[in-house]
Amino acid sequence: MQHPTGFTIAVMGGRTRIRLTSFGDVVANPQLWRVFPHLIIAAIMTAGVVIAGMSAYGLLRKKKGENHFFKTSLRYGLWVGLIGALLTI
């Protein structure tokens, strides 16, 4: 987040520590509610692309009897990745 709130920076024994001072300030930060949905949708998009990649690999192995499963999961993975990419932007 570009505007962090609710923390302090303390140096203890030569080590820098960040400590939470107010969870309410973190949750009330207006920037959080813009960034959080973007992060979640990007994670869904990443999951769709990973599923599509694993399905494509499964199709490339060309084992008979498994093609229907991999084609279906590739289709779903690509759709989830596309929708996630459009919503992330």
N, C-alpha and C. Protein backbone atom coordinates (compact mmCIF):
# COMPACT_ATOMS: atom_id res chain seq x y z
N MET A 1 0.84 -1.17 0.00
CA MET A 1 0.00 0.00 0.00
C MET A 1 0.88 1.24 0.00
N GLN A 2 0.43 2.24 -0.68
CA GLN A 2 1.22 3.45 -0.81
C GLN A 2 1.03 4.41 0.36
N HIS A 3 0.00 4.22 1.18
CA HIS A 3 -0.27 5.09 2.31
C HIS A 3 -0.49 4.26 3.57
N PRO A 4 0.58 3.67 4.11
CA PRO A 4 0.40 2.81 5.28
C PRO A 4 0.05 3.63 6.53
N THR A 5 -0.77 3.04 7.37
CA THR A 5 -1.17 3.67 8.64
C THR A 5 -1.20 2.62 9.72
N GLY A 6 -1.23 3.07 10.97
CA GLY A 6 -1.41 2.18 12.10
C GLY A 6 -0.19 1.38 12.51
N PHE A 7 1.02 1.93 12.31
CA PHE A 7 2.22 1.21 12.70
C PHE A 7 3.29 2.19 13.15
N THR A 8 4.30 1.65 13.82
CA THR A 8 5.48 2.42 14.19
C THR A 8 6.72 1.62 13.80
N ILE A 9 7.80 2.33 13.59
CA ILE A 9 9.08 1.70 13.29
C ILE A 9 9.98 1.90 14.50
N ALA A 10 10.49 0.80 15.04
CA ALA A 10 11.33 0.85 16.24
C ALA A 10 12.62 0.10 15.97
N VAL A 11 13.72 0.60 16.54
CA VAL A 11 15.01 -0.07 16.44
C VAL A 11 15.29 -0.72 17.78
N MET A 12 15.45 -2.06 17.77
CA MET A 12 15.71 -2.81 19.00
C MET A 12 16.95 -3.67 18.79
N GLY A 13 17.96 -3.39 19.55
CA GLY A 13 19.18 -4.19 19.48
C GLY A 13 19.82 -4.18 18.11
N GLY A 14 19.77 -3.07 17.42
CA GLY A 14 20.38 -2.98 16.10
C GLY A 14 19.50 -3.51 14.97
N ARG A 15 18.30 -3.99 15.30
CA ARG A 15 17.38 -4.50 14.27
C ARG A 15 16.17 -3.59 14.18
N THR A 16 15.74 -3.33 12.98
CA THR A 16 14.57 -2.49 12.76
C THR A 16 13.32 -3.36 12.78
N ARG A 17 12.33 -2.97 13.56
CA ARG A 17 11.08 -3.71 13.69
C ARG A 17 9.91 -2.79 13.34
N ILE A 18 8.93 -3.36 12.70
CA ILE A 18 7.69 -2.64 12.42
C ILE A 18 6.62 -3.25 13.32
N ARG A 19 5.94 -2.42 14.08
CA ARG A 19 4.94 -2.90 15.04
C ARG A 19 3.58 -2.28 14.73
N LEU A 20 2.56 -3.12 14.77
CA LEU A 20 1.19 -2.67 14.59
C LEU A 20 0.75 -1.91 15.83
N THR A 21 0.25 -0.70 15.63
CA THR A 21 -0.22 0.10 16.77
C THR A 21 -1.73 0.20 16.81
N SER A 22 -2.39 0.18 15.64
CA SER A 22 -3.83 0.31 15.61
C SER A 22 -4.40 -0.45 14.42
N PHE A 23 -5.04 -1.59 14.70
CA PHE A 23 -5.67 -2.36 13.63
C PHE A 23 -6.82 -1.56 13.02
N GLY A 24 -7.49 -0.77 13.83
CA GLY A 24 -8.58 0.08 13.32
C GLY A 24 -8.11 1.06 12.27
N ASP A 25 -6.91 1.63 12.47
CA ASP A 25 -6.36 2.56 11.47
C ASP A 25 -6.05 1.83 10.17
N VAL A 26 -5.59 0.61 10.27
CA VAL A 26 -5.28 -0.17 9.06
C VAL A 26 -6.56 -0.45 8.28
N VAL A 27 -7.61 -0.88 8.97
CA VAL A 27 -8.87 -1.22 8.31
C VAL A 27 -9.58 0.03 7.81
N ALA A 28 -9.43 1.14 8.50
CA ALA A 28 -10.09 2.37 8.09
C ALA A 28 -9.34 3.12 7.00
N ASN A 29 -8.17 2.64 6.63
CA ASN A 29 -7.38 3.30 5.58
C ASN A 29 -8.15 3.20 4.25
N PRO A 30 -8.49 4.33 3.63
CA PRO A 30 -9.27 4.28 2.39
C PRO A 30 -8.52 3.60 1.24
N GLN A 31 -7.22 3.63 1.26
CA GLN A 31 -6.44 3.00 0.21
C GLN A 31 -6.59 1.48 0.24
N LEU A 32 -6.79 0.90 1.43
CA LEU A 32 -6.95 -0.54 1.57
C LEU A 32 -8.11 -1.05 0.74
N TRP A 33 -9.21 -0.34 0.73
CA TRP A 33 -10.42 -0.81 0.05
C TRP A 33 -10.33 -0.63 -1.46
N ARG A 34 -9.33 0.06 -1.94
CA ARG A 34 -9.06 0.11 -3.38
C ARG A 34 -8.09 -0.99 -3.79
N VAL A 35 -7.14 -1.31 -2.93
CA VAL A 35 -6.08 -2.26 -3.25
C VAL A 35 -6.54 -3.71 -3.02
N PHE A 36 -7.31 -3.96 -1.98
CA PHE A 36 -7.68 -5.32 -1.62
C PHE A 36 -8.46 -6.05 -2.72
N PRO A 37 -9.51 -5.47 -3.32
CA PRO A 37 -10.20 -6.17 -4.41
C PRO A 37 -9.28 -6.43 -5.60
N HIS A 38 -8.41 -5.49 -5.90
CA HIS A 38 -7.45 -5.67 -7.00
C HIS A 38 -6.55 -6.87 -6.73
N LEU A 39 -6.11 -7.01 -5.50
CA LEU A 39 -5.23 -8.12 -5.12
C LEU A 39 -5.95 -9.46 -5.22
N ILE A 40 -7.18 -9.53 -4.73
CA ILE A 40 -7.94 -10.78 -4.75
C ILE A 40 -8.26 -11.19 -6.18
N ILE A 41 -8.68 -10.26 -7.01
CA ILE A 41 -9.00 -10.58 -8.41
C ILE A 41 -7.74 -11.00 -9.16
N ALA A 42 -6.60 -10.38 -8.86
CA ALA A 42 -5.34 -10.78 -9.50
C ALA A 42 -4.95 -12.19 -9.07
N ALA A 43 -5.23 -12.56 -7.83
CA ALA A 43 -4.94 -13.93 -7.37
C ALA A 43 -5.83 -14.94 -8.09
N ILE A 44 -7.09 -14.59 -8.32
CA ILE A 44 -8.00 -15.47 -9.07
C ILE A 44 -7.53 -15.61 -10.51
N MET A 45 -7.09 -14.51 -11.10
CA MET A 45 -6.56 -14.56 -12.47
C MET A 45 -5.33 -15.46 -12.54
N THR A 46 -4.44 -15.35 -11.57
CA THR A 46 -3.24 -16.18 -11.53
C THR A 46 -3.62 -17.66 -11.40
N ALA A 47 -4.60 -17.96 -10.57
CA ALA A 47 -5.04 -19.34 -10.42
C ALA A 47 -5.59 -19.89 -11.73
N GLY A 48 -6.35 -19.08 -12.46
CA GLY A 48 -6.88 -19.52 -13.75
C GLY A 48 -5.79 -19.81 -14.75
N VAL A 49 -4.76 -18.98 -14.78
CA VAL A 49 -3.65 -19.18 -15.71
C VAL A 49 -2.85 -20.42 -15.32
N VAL A 50 -2.67 -20.66 -14.03
CA VAL A 50 -1.95 -21.86 -13.59
C VAL A 50 -2.74 -23.12 -13.98
N ILE A 51 -4.04 -23.11 -13.78
CA ILE A 51 -4.87 -24.25 -14.16
C ILE A 51 -4.81 -24.47 -15.66
N ALA A 52 -4.87 -23.39 -16.44
CA ALA A 52 -4.78 -23.51 -17.89
C ALA A 52 -3.43 -24.08 -18.31
N GLY A 53 -2.36 -23.65 -17.66
CA GLY A 53 -1.03 -24.16 -17.99
C GLY A 53 -0.88 -25.64 -17.67
N MET A 54 -1.40 -26.06 -16.52
CA MET A 54 -1.32 -27.48 -16.16
C MET A 54 -2.17 -28.31 -17.11
N SER A 55 -3.31 -27.79 -17.53
CA SER A 55 -4.16 -28.52 -18.47
C SER A 55 -3.51 -28.62 -19.84
N ALA A 56 -2.86 -27.56 -20.28
CA ALA A 56 -2.16 -27.60 -21.57
C ALA A 56 -1.04 -28.62 -21.54
N TYR A 57 -0.33 -28.69 -20.42
CA TYR A 57 0.72 -29.68 -20.28
C TYR A 57 0.13 -31.09 -20.34
N GLY A 58 -1.01 -31.28 -19.68
CA GLY A 58 -1.67 -32.58 -19.71
C GLY A 58 -2.12 -32.96 -21.12
N LEU A 59 -2.56 -31.98 -21.89
CA LEU A 59 -2.95 -32.26 -23.28
C LEU A 59 -1.74 -32.60 -24.14
N LEU A 60 -0.61 -31.98 -23.85
CA LEU A 60 0.60 -32.25 -24.64
C LEU A 60 1.15 -33.65 -24.40
N ARG A 61 0.87 -34.22 -23.23
CA ARG A 61 1.34 -35.58 -22.95
C ARG A 61 0.61 -36.62 -23.80
N LYS A 62 -0.60 -36.29 -24.24
CA LYS A 62 -1.40 -37.12 -25.15
C LYS A 62 -1.69 -38.51 -24.61
N LYS A 63 -2.11 -38.59 -23.36
CA LYS A 63 -2.56 -39.88 -22.83
C LYS A 63 -4.03 -40.04 -23.20
N LYS A 64 -4.38 -41.18 -23.71
CA LYS A 64 -5.75 -41.40 -24.15
C LYS A 64 -6.67 -41.55 -22.95
N GLY A 65 -7.87 -41.05 -23.09
CA GLY A 65 -8.86 -41.16 -22.02
C GLY A 65 -8.87 -39.98 -21.07
N GLU A 66 -7.84 -39.15 -21.07
CA GLU A 66 -7.78 -38.00 -20.17
C GLU A 66 -8.02 -36.69 -20.91
N ASN A 67 -8.14 -36.73 -22.21
CA ASN A 67 -8.24 -35.50 -22.99
C ASN A 67 -9.48 -34.68 -22.64
N HIS A 68 -10.60 -35.34 -22.39
CA HIS A 68 -11.83 -34.60 -22.08
C HIS A 68 -11.64 -33.77 -20.80
N PHE A 69 -11.04 -34.36 -19.78
CA PHE A 69 -10.80 -33.64 -18.53
C PHE A 69 -9.89 -32.43 -18.76
N PHE A 70 -8.80 -32.63 -19.50
CA PHE A 70 -7.86 -31.53 -19.70
C PHE A 70 -8.43 -30.45 -20.60
N LYS A 71 -9.22 -30.81 -21.60
CA LYS A 71 -9.85 -29.80 -22.45
C LYS A 71 -10.84 -28.96 -21.65
N THR A 72 -11.62 -29.62 -20.81
CA THR A 72 -12.59 -28.89 -19.99
C THR A 72 -11.89 -27.97 -19.00
N SER A 73 -10.88 -28.47 -18.32
CA SER A 73 -10.19 -27.63 -17.34
C SER A 73 -9.40 -26.52 -18.02
N LEU A 74 -8.89 -26.76 -19.22
CA LEU A 74 -8.21 -25.69 -19.97
C LEU A 74 -9.20 -24.58 -20.31
N ARG A 75 -10.39 -24.97 -20.75
CA ARG A 75 -11.42 -23.98 -21.09
C ARG A 75 -11.78 -23.14 -19.87
N TYR A 76 -12.03 -23.80 -18.73
CA TYR A 76 -12.38 -23.06 -17.51
C TYR A 76 -11.22 -22.18 -17.05
N GLY A 77 -10.02 -22.69 -17.10
CA GLY A 77 -8.86 -21.90 -16.67
C GLY A 77 -8.66 -20.66 -17.52
N LEU A 78 -8.85 -20.81 -18.83
CA LEU A 78 -8.70 -19.64 -19.71
C LEU A 78 -9.80 -18.62 -19.48
N TRP A 79 -11.02 -19.08 -19.26
CA TRP A 79 -12.11 -18.14 -18.98
C TRP A 79 -11.88 -17.39 -17.67
N VAL A 80 -11.49 -18.12 -16.64
CA VAL A 80 -11.23 -17.47 -15.36
C VAL A 80 -10.07 -16.49 -15.49
N GLY A 81 -9.02 -16.87 -16.20
CA GLY A 81 -7.90 -15.96 -16.41
C GLY A 81 -8.29 -14.72 -17.19
N LEU A 82 -9.12 -14.88 -18.21
CA LEU A 82 -9.56 -13.73 -19.02
C LEU A 82 -10.43 -12.80 -18.20
N ILE A 83 -11.41 -13.35 -17.50
CA ILE A 83 -12.29 -12.50 -16.69
C ILE A 83 -11.49 -11.82 -15.59
N GLY A 84 -10.57 -12.53 -14.96
CA GLY A 84 -9.73 -11.92 -13.94
C GLY A 84 -8.85 -10.82 -14.50
N ALA A 85 -8.32 -11.03 -15.71
CA ALA A 85 -7.48 -9.99 -16.32
C ALA A 85 -8.29 -8.74 -16.63
N LEU A 86 -9.51 -8.92 -17.10
CA LEU A 86 -10.34 -7.75 -17.43
C LEU A 86 -10.76 -7.01 -16.17
N LEU A 87 -11.05 -7.74 -15.10
CA LEU A 87 -11.47 -7.08 -13.85
C LEU A 87 -10.29 -6.48 -13.09
N THR A 88 -9.10 -6.99 -13.28
CA THR A 88 -7.93 -6.47 -12.58
C THR A 88 -7.53 -5.09 -13.10
N ILE A 89 -7.70 -4.90 -14.37
CA ILE A 89 -7.33 -3.61 -14.98
C ILE A 89 -8.27 -2.57 -14.54
